[in-house]
Amino acid sequence: MRVVLAEDSVLLREGLVRLLGEYGAEIVAAVGDGEALVAAVAEHRPDVAVVDVRMPPDFTDEGLRAALRVRREVPGTAILVLSQYVEVSYAQDLLGAGGGVGYLLKDRVTRLDDLADALARVTAGGTVLDPEVVSALFVRRDPRASLTPREREVLALVAEGRANAAIGRTLTLSQGAVEKHISSIFDKLGLARDSGDDHRRVLAVLAWFGLGR
C-alpha cells in the first residue's frame, strides 16, 4: 500500500511514518500542508492519502479542502482523515465524493491494528467513520424520519464501517434480523434494486447524510 501523509506536526508526522512503515505501508511522501499534499498525490499517485484537518496557513480546514481537491484532480485516491477535530461541512462534501473515505479522531485510535484496518478498508473502497463523526453528521443533517429507531441504530453502525456480524453482536441481533433491517433501510432510502450489497451500503450512508442522489 502506497501512502501520502499530510500532518503539520513534525513529531506526529514522523511517528506516523514509523508506525505505518511497521504495518507494511510504503510512505511515498510526508508533507506538512494542503498544497504540498495535492502536489505529492499528483506526483506519486498513492493508494491512499492520510490527512490532518487543521494545517498551515490558517489551521482551520485546509486538510479537508485539500482532500477534496485530491478527489477531484486524482480520482480514485482513497482518503483517510485523521484529526483531533470534527469539521462537519467539508466532511459532508468529502463523503459525497463517493466511497474510499474515512474520518477518524486521533485520540480514539488506540491500536495500530485499528488504523491499519481503516486504511485497508478505505483503500478497498469502503467508508470508515468514527462514531463521534457519525453523531456530528446526524445533528447537522437528519433525514431519518422514515426509519425506525432500530433501523437508525443499524445504519449508524453501517456508517462506522461495521459488517453485519459486528452489527449483530453490538445490538444483540441475529444475522437474519440484521439483514432484514438493512433490506428495509435500502427500501426506505430508495435503494431496493440490488447493485451489489457493498455498493448499496455506501449509498445508504450517503443518503443518510443527505448526500446521495
C-alpha atoms as a PDB file:
ATOM      1  CA  MET A   1       0.000   0.000   0.000  1.00  0.00           C
ATOM      2  CA  ARG A   2       1.460   3.366  -1.084  1.00  0.00           C
ATOM      3  CA  VAL A   3       0.649   6.294   1.234  1.00  0.00           C
ATOM      4  CA  VAL A   4       0.997  10.068   1.131  1.00  0.00           C
ATOM      5  CA  LEU A   5       0.843  11.550   4.641  1.00  0.00           C
ATOM      6  CA  ALA A   6      -0.135  15.168   5.390  1.00  0.00           C
ATOM      7  CA  GLU A   7       0.409  16.265   9.007  1.00  0.00           C
ATOM      8  CA  ASP A   8       1.791  19.645  10.144  1.00  0.00           C
ATOM      9  CA  SER A   9       3.222  18.405  13.474  1.00  0.00           C
ATOM     10  CA  VAL A  10       6.735  17.156  12.760  1.00  0.00           C
ATOM     11  CA  LEU A  11       6.745  14.791  15.746  1.00  0.00           C
ATOM     12  CA  LEU A  12       3.394  13.257  14.895  1.00  0.00           C
ATOM     13  CA  ARG A  13       4.263  13.070  11.204  1.00  0.00           C
ATOM     14  CA  GLU A  14       7.473  11.193  11.887  1.00  0.00           C
ATOM     15  CA  GLY A  15       5.687   8.937  14.359  1.00  0.00           C
ATOM     16  CA  LEU A  16       3.039   8.032  11.789  1.00  0.00           C
ATOM     17  CA  VAL A  17       5.701   7.364   9.174  1.00  0.00           C
ATOM     18  CA  ARG A  18       7.336   4.880  11.548  1.00  0.00           C
ATOM     19  CA  LEU A  19       4.084   3.248  12.630  1.00  0.00           C
ATOM     20  CA  LEU A  20       2.704   2.881   9.121  1.00  0.00           C
ATOM     21  CA  GLY A  21       6.046   1.520   7.987  1.00  0.00           C
ATOM     22  CA  GLU A  22       5.796  -1.157  10.686  1.00  0.00           C
ATOM     23  CA  TYR A  23       2.389  -2.068   9.292  1.00  0.00           C
ATOM     24  CA  GLY A  24       3.992  -2.544   5.878  1.00  0.00           C
ATOM     25  CA  ALA A  25       2.869   0.637   4.141  1.00  0.00           C
ATOM     26  CA  GLU A  26       5.224   2.471   1.805  1.00  0.00           C
ATOM     27  CA  ILE A  27       5.247   6.183   2.682  1.00  0.00           C
ATOM     28  CA  VAL A  28       5.996   7.804  -0.669  1.00  0.00           C
ATOM     29  CA  ALA A  29       5.719  11.363   0.712  1.00  0.00           C
ATOM     30  CA  ALA A  30       5.195  13.022   4.116  1.00  0.00           C
ATOM     31  CA  VAL A  31       4.232  16.699   3.937  1.00  0.00           C
ATOM     32  CA  GLY A  32       3.082  19.470   6.254  1.00  0.00           C
ATOM     33  CA  ASP A  33       0.384  21.446   4.409  1.00  0.00           C
ATOM     34  CA  GLY A  34      -2.516  21.083   1.989  1.00  0.00           C
ATOM     35  CA  GLU A  35      -0.817  22.419  -1.114  1.00  0.00           C
ATOM     36  CA  ALA A  36       2.063  20.001  -0.640  1.00  0.00           C
ATOM     37  CA  LEU A  37      -0.458  17.176  -0.189  1.00  0.00           C
ATOM     38  CA  VAL A  38      -2.138  17.869  -3.534  1.00  0.00           C
ATOM     39  CA  ALA A  39       1.244  18.121  -5.280  1.00  0.00           C
ATOM     40  CA  ALA A  40       2.518  14.898  -3.679  1.00  0.00           C
ATOM     41  CA  VAL A  41      -0.582  12.937  -4.667  1.00  0.00           C
ATOM     42  CA  ALA A  42      -0.366  14.216  -8.247  1.00  0.00           C
ATOM     43  CA  GLU A  43       3.290  13.188  -8.392  1.00  0.00           C
ATOM     44  CA  HIS A  44       3.206   9.814  -6.644  1.00  0.00           C
ATOM     45  CA  ARG A  45      -0.350   8.549  -7.314  1.00  0.00           C
ATOM     46  CA  PRO A  46      -0.643   6.729  -3.961  1.00  0.00           C
ATOM     47  CA  ASP A  47      -3.323   4.252  -2.970  1.00  0.00           C
ATOM     48  CA  VAL A  48      -4.380   6.434  -0.035  1.00  0.00           C
ATOM     49  CA  ALA A  49      -3.736   9.855   1.455  1.00  0.00           C
ATOM     50  CA  VAL A  50      -3.749  10.213   5.253  1.00  0.00           C
ATOM     51  CA  VAL A  51      -4.734  13.784   6.024  1.00  0.00           C
ATOM     52  CA  ASP A  52      -4.945  16.049   9.081  1.00  0.00           C
ATOM     53  CA  VAL A  53      -7.724  18.671   9.103  1.00  0.00           C
ATOM     54  CA  ARG A  54      -6.063  21.779  10.535  1.00  0.00           C
ATOM     55  CA  MET A  55      -2.835  22.683   8.784  1.00  0.00           C
ATOM     56  CA  PRO A  56      -0.985  25.843   7.668  1.00  0.00           C
ATOM     57  CA  PRO A  57      -1.540  28.612   6.879  1.00  0.00           C
ATOM     58  CA  ASP A  58      -4.782  29.204   8.801  1.00  0.00           C
ATOM     59  CA  PHE A  59      -5.119  25.974  10.818  1.00  0.00           C
ATOM     60  CA  THR A  60      -8.850  25.676  10.151  1.00  0.00           C
ATOM     61  CA  ASP A  61      -9.964  23.189   7.478  1.00  0.00           C
ATOM     62  CA  GLU A  62      -7.060  23.219   5.000  1.00  0.00           C
ATOM     63  CA  GLY A  63      -6.619  19.455   5.121  1.00  0.00           C
ATOM     64  CA  LEU A  64     -10.217  18.658   4.203  1.00  0.00           C
ATOM     65  CA  ARG A  65     -10.237  21.218   1.395  1.00  0.00           C
ATOM     66  CA  ALA A  66      -7.007  19.728   0.067  1.00  0.00           C
ATOM     67  CA  ALA A  67      -8.519  16.234   0.301  1.00  0.00           C
ATOM     68  CA  LEU A  68     -11.467  17.385  -1.810  1.00  0.00           C
ATOM     69  CA  ARG A  69      -9.024  18.721  -4.412  1.00  0.00           C
ATOM     70  CA  VAL A  70      -7.243  15.377  -4.400  1.00  0.00           C
ATOM     71  CA  ARG A  71     -10.533  13.570  -5.094  1.00  0.00           C
ATOM     72  CA  ARG A  72     -11.287  15.929  -7.984  1.00  0.00           C
ATOM     73  CA  GLU A  73      -7.822  16.010  -9.515  1.00  0.00           C
ATOM     74  CA  VAL A  74      -6.682  12.422  -8.874  1.00  0.00           C
ATOM     75  CA  PRO A  75      -9.914  10.371  -8.863  1.00  0.00           C
ATOM     76  CA  GLY A  76      -9.706   7.019  -7.160  1.00  0.00           C
ATOM     77  CA  THR A  77      -7.325   8.127  -4.421  1.00  0.00           C
ATOM     78  CA  ALA A  78      -8.629   6.884  -1.074  1.00  0.00           C
ATOM     79  CA  ILE A  79      -8.679   9.425   1.754  1.00  0.00           C
ATOM     80  CA  LEU A  80      -8.296   8.752   5.475  1.00  0.00           C
ATOM     81  CA  VAL A  81      -8.783  11.891   7.571  1.00  0.00           C
ATOM     82  CA  LEU A  82      -7.011  11.548  10.905  1.00  0.00           C
ATOM     83  CA  SER A  83      -7.699  14.543  13.124  1.00  0.00           C
ATOM     84  CA  GLN A  84      -8.432  15.841  16.597  1.00  0.00           C
ATOM     85  CA  TYR A  85     -11.468  17.709  15.285  1.00  0.00           C
ATOM     86  CA  VAL A  86     -14.787  17.044  13.559  1.00  0.00           C
ATOM     87  CA  GLU A  87     -15.284  19.562  10.740  1.00  0.00           C
ATOM     88  CA  VAL A  88     -18.797  18.783   9.552  1.00  0.00           C
ATOM     89  CA  SER A  89     -19.278  20.856   6.409  1.00  0.00           C
ATOM     90  CA  TYR A  90     -16.263  19.637   4.462  1.00  0.00           C
ATOM     91  CA  ALA A  91     -16.651  16.134   5.891  1.00  0.00           C
ATOM     92  CA  GLN A  92     -20.090  16.030   4.233  1.00  0.00           C
ATOM     93  CA  ASP A  93     -18.582  17.183   0.942  1.00  0.00           C
ATOM     94  CA  LEU A  94     -15.855  14.570   1.169  1.00  0.00           C
ATOM     95  CA  LEU A  95     -18.336  11.777   1.863  1.00  0.00           C
ATOM     96  CA  GLY A  96     -20.399  12.979  -1.060  1.00  0.00           C
ATOM     97  CA  ALA A  97     -17.420  12.334  -3.343  1.00  0.00           C
ATOM     98  CA  GLY A  98     -18.059   8.566  -3.032  1.00  0.00           C
ATOM     99  CA  GLY A  99     -16.502   5.571  -1.275  1.00  0.00           C
ATOM    100  CA  GLY A 100     -12.903   5.098  -0.259  1.00  0.00           C
ATOM    101  CA  VAL A 101     -13.155   7.670   2.542  1.00  0.00           C
ATOM    102  CA  GLY A 102     -12.515   7.508   6.275  1.00  0.00           C
ATOM    103  CA  TYR A 103     -12.619  10.026   9.120  1.00  0.00           C
ATOM    104  CA  LEU A 104     -11.096   9.009  12.460  1.00  0.00           C
ATOM    105  CA  LEU A 105     -10.280  11.016  15.568  1.00  0.00           C
ATOM    106  CA  LYS A 106      -6.662  10.754  16.670  1.00  0.00           C
ATOM    107  CA  ASP A 107      -7.403  10.427  20.370  1.00  0.00           C
ATOM    108  CA  ARG A 108      -9.708   7.465  19.737  1.00  0.00           C
ATOM    109  CA  VAL A 109      -7.259   5.432  17.636  1.00  0.00           C
ATOM    110  CA  THR A 110      -5.602   3.429  20.395  1.00  0.00           C
ATOM    111  CA  ARG A 111      -4.169   0.494  18.440  1.00  0.00           C
ATOM    112  CA  LEU A 112      -2.104   0.285  15.276  1.00  0.00           C
ATOM    113  CA  ASP A 113      -4.307  -2.595  14.151  1.00  0.00           C
ATOM    114  CA  ASP A 114      -7.322  -0.243  14.135  1.00  0.00           C
ATOM    115  CA  LEU A 115      -5.510   2.269  11.957  1.00  0.00           C
ATOM    116  CA  ALA A 116      -4.234  -0.455   9.642  1.00  0.00           C
ATOM    117  CA  ASP A 117      -7.737  -1.887   9.317  1.00  0.00           C
ATOM    118  CA  ALA A 118      -9.164   1.543   8.465  1.00  0.00           C
ATOM    119  CA  LEU A 119      -6.507   2.078   5.797  1.00  0.00           C
ATOM    120  CA  ALA A 120      -7.232  -1.308   4.255  1.00  0.00           C
ATOM    121  CA  ARG A 121     -10.966  -0.659   4.189  1.00  0.00           C
ATOM    122  CA  VAL A 122     -10.843   2.786   2.591  1.00  0.00           C
ATOM    123  CA  THR A 123      -8.250   1.600   0.062  1.00  0.00           C
ATOM    124  CA  ALA A 124     -10.697  -1.162  -0.898  1.00  0.00           C
ATOM    125  CA  GLY A 125     -13.406   1.461  -1.489  1.00  0.00           C
ATOM    126  CA  GLY A 126     -15.144   1.310   1.895  1.00  0.00           C
ATOM    127  CA  THR A 127     -16.221   4.068   4.265  1.00  0.00           C
ATOM    128  CA  VAL A 128     -14.898   4.240   7.841  1.00  0.00           C
ATOM    129  CA  LEU A 129     -16.242   6.834  10.286  1.00  0.00           C
ATOM    130  CA  ASP A 130     -15.569   7.451  13.941  1.00  0.00           C
ATOM    131  CA  PRO A 131     -18.807   7.311  15.993  1.00  0.00           C
ATOM    132  CA  GLU A 132     -18.322  10.957  17.025  1.00  0.00           C
ATOM    133  CA  VAL A 133     -18.142  11.959  13.374  1.00  0.00           C
ATOM    134  CA  VAL A 134     -21.325   9.991  12.688  1.00  0.00           C
ATOM    135  CA  SER A 135     -23.079  11.761  15.573  1.00  0.00           C
ATOM    136  CA  ALA A 136     -21.988  15.199  14.370  1.00  0.00           C
ATOM    137  CA  LEU A 137     -23.226  14.493  10.863  1.00  0.00           C
ATOM    138  CA  PHE A 138     -26.567  13.274  12.205  1.00  0.00           C
ATOM    139  CA  VAL A 139     -27.026  16.510  14.149  1.00  0.00           C
ATOM    140  CA  ARG A 140     -26.143  18.626  11.114  1.00  0.00           C
ATOM    141  CA  ARG A 141     -28.396  16.872   8.628  1.00  0.00           C
ATOM    142  CA  ASP A 142     -31.079  14.426   9.702  1.00  0.00           C
ATOM    143  CA  PRO A 143     -33.199  12.624   7.042  1.00  0.00           C
ATOM    144  CA  ARG A 144     -34.138   9.841   9.457  1.00  0.00           C
ATOM    145  CA  ALA A 145     -37.884  10.390   9.703  1.00  0.00           C
ATOM    146  CA  SER A 146     -38.784   7.306   7.670  1.00  0.00           C
ATOM    147  CA  LEU A 147     -36.550   4.923   9.644  1.00  0.00           C
ATOM    148  CA  THR A 148     -37.436   3.147  12.870  1.00  0.00           C
ATOM    149  CA  PRO A 149     -35.204   3.647  15.948  1.00  0.00           C
ATOM    150  CA  ARG A 150     -33.656   0.196  15.416  1.00  0.00           C
ATOM    151  CA  GLU A 151     -33.011   0.908  11.732  1.00  0.00           C
ATOM    152  CA  ARG A 152     -31.284   4.132  12.754  1.00  0.00           C
ATOM    153  CA  GLU A 153     -29.033   2.179  15.110  1.00  0.00           C
ATOM    154  CA  VAL A 154     -28.221  -0.336  12.376  1.00  0.00           C
ATOM    155  CA  LEU A 155     -27.454   2.346   9.781  1.00  0.00           C
ATOM    156  CA  ALA A 156     -25.302   4.282  12.259  1.00  0.00           C
ATOM    157  CA  LEU A 157     -23.168   1.143  12.663  1.00  0.00           C
ATOM    158  CA  VAL A 158     -23.072   0.659   8.882  1.00  0.00           C
ATOM    159  CA  ALA A 159     -21.768   4.232   8.672  1.00  0.00           C
ATOM    160  CA  GLU A 160     -18.989   3.294  11.095  1.00  0.00           C
ATOM    161  CA  GLY A 161     -17.970   0.551   8.657  1.00  0.00           C
ATOM    162  CA  ARG A 162     -19.290  -2.409  10.666  1.00  0.00           C
ATOM    163  CA  ALA A 163     -20.085  -5.701   8.934  1.00  0.00           C
ATOM    164  CA  ASN A 164     -23.408  -7.456   9.573  1.00  0.00           C
ATOM    165  CA  ALA A 165     -21.890  -9.850  12.100  1.00  0.00           C
ATOM    166  CA  ALA A 166     -20.416  -6.974  14.120  1.00  0.00           C
ATOM    167  CA  ILE A 167     -23.721  -5.095  13.991  1.00  0.00           C
ATOM    168  CA  GLY A 168     -25.494  -8.190  15.300  1.00  0.00           C
ATOM    169  CA  ARG A 169     -23.057  -8.550  18.200  1.00  0.00           C
ATOM    170  CA  THR A 170     -23.320  -4.860  19.108  1.00  0.00           C
ATOM    171  CA  LEU A 171     -27.123  -4.763  19.050  1.00  0.00           C
ATOM    172  CA  THR A 172     -27.686  -8.383  20.162  1.00  0.00           C
ATOM    173  CA  LEU A 173     -29.465  -9.273  16.933  1.00  0.00           C
ATOM    174  CA  SER A 174     -29.339 -12.406  14.811  1.00  0.00           C
ATOM    175  CA  GLN A 175     -27.704 -12.300  11.392  1.00  0.00           C
ATOM    176  CA  GLY A 176     -31.124 -12.664   9.810  1.00  0.00           C
ATOM    177  CA  ALA A 177     -32.549  -9.768  11.803  1.00  0.00           C
ATOM    178  CA  VAL A 178     -29.680  -7.502  10.766  1.00  0.00           C
ATOM    179  CA  GLU A 179     -30.195  -8.445   7.116  1.00  0.00           C
ATOM    180  CA  LYS A 180     -33.923  -7.662   7.378  1.00  0.00           C
ATOM    181  CA  HIS A 181     -33.232  -4.263   8.920  1.00  0.00           C
ATOM    182  CA  ILE A 182     -30.710  -3.430   6.213  1.00  0.00           C
ATOM    183  CA  SER A 183     -33.121  -4.565   3.491  1.00  0.00           C
ATOM    184  CA  SER A 184     -35.797  -2.295   4.983  1.00  0.00           C
ATOM    185  CA  ILE A 185     -33.329   0.595   5.110  1.00  0.00           C
ATOM    186  CA  PHE A 186     -32.491   0.079   1.431  1.00  0.00           C
ATOM    187  CA  ASP A 187     -36.210   0.132   0.577  1.00  0.00           C
ATOM    188  CA  LYS A 188     -36.886   3.320   2.521  1.00  0.00           C
ATOM    189  CA  LEU A 189     -33.873   5.117   1.061  1.00  0.00           C
ATOM    190  CA  GLY A 190     -34.779   4.166  -2.498  1.00  0.00           C
ATOM    191  CA  LEU A 191     -32.024   1.584  -2.872  1.00  0.00           C
ATOM    192  CA  ALA A 192     -34.154  -1.529  -3.278  1.00  0.00           C
ATOM    193  CA  ARG A 193     -32.653  -2.512  -6.615  1.00  0.00           C
ATOM    194  CA  ASP A 194     -29.664  -4.774  -5.947  1.00  0.00           C
ATOM    195  CA  SER A 195     -26.495  -3.333  -7.461  1.00  0.00           C
ATOM    196  CA  GLY A 196     -24.194  -5.158  -5.035  1.00  0.00           C
ATOM    197  CA  ASP A 197     -24.585  -5.025  -1.254  1.00  0.00           C
ATOM    198  CA  ASP A 198     -21.313  -3.228  -0.543  1.00  0.00           C
ATOM    199  CA  HIS A 199     -22.142  -0.503  -3.068  1.00  0.00           C
ATOM    200  CA  ARG A 200     -25.629  -0.050  -1.658  1.00  0.00           C
ATOM    201  CA  ARG A 201     -24.255   0.225   1.874  1.00  0.00           C
ATOM    202  CA  VAL A 202     -22.134   3.211   0.801  1.00  0.00           C
ATOM    203  CA  LEU A 203     -25.120   4.772  -0.999  1.00  0.00           C
ATOM    204  CA  ALA A 204     -27.287   4.236   2.084  1.00  0.00           C
ATOM    205  CA  VAL A 205     -24.768   6.059   4.293  1.00  0.00           C
ATOM    206  CA  LEU A 206     -24.550   8.916   1.789  1.00  0.00           C
ATOM    207  CA  ALA A 207     -28.352   9.126   1.576  1.00  0.00           C
ATOM    208  CA  TRP A 208     -28.500   9.091   5.392  1.00  0.00           C
ATOM    209  CA  PHE A 209     -26.335  12.224   5.438  1.00  0.00           C
ATOM    210  CA  GLY A 210     -28.368  13.846   2.687  1.00  0.00           C
ATOM    211  CA  LEU A 211     -25.530  13.455   0.173  1.00  0.00           C
ATOM    212  CA  GLY A 212     -26.967  10.809  -2.116  1.00  0.00           C
ATOM    213  CA  ARG A 213     -28.901  11.092  -5.315  1.00  0.00           C
END
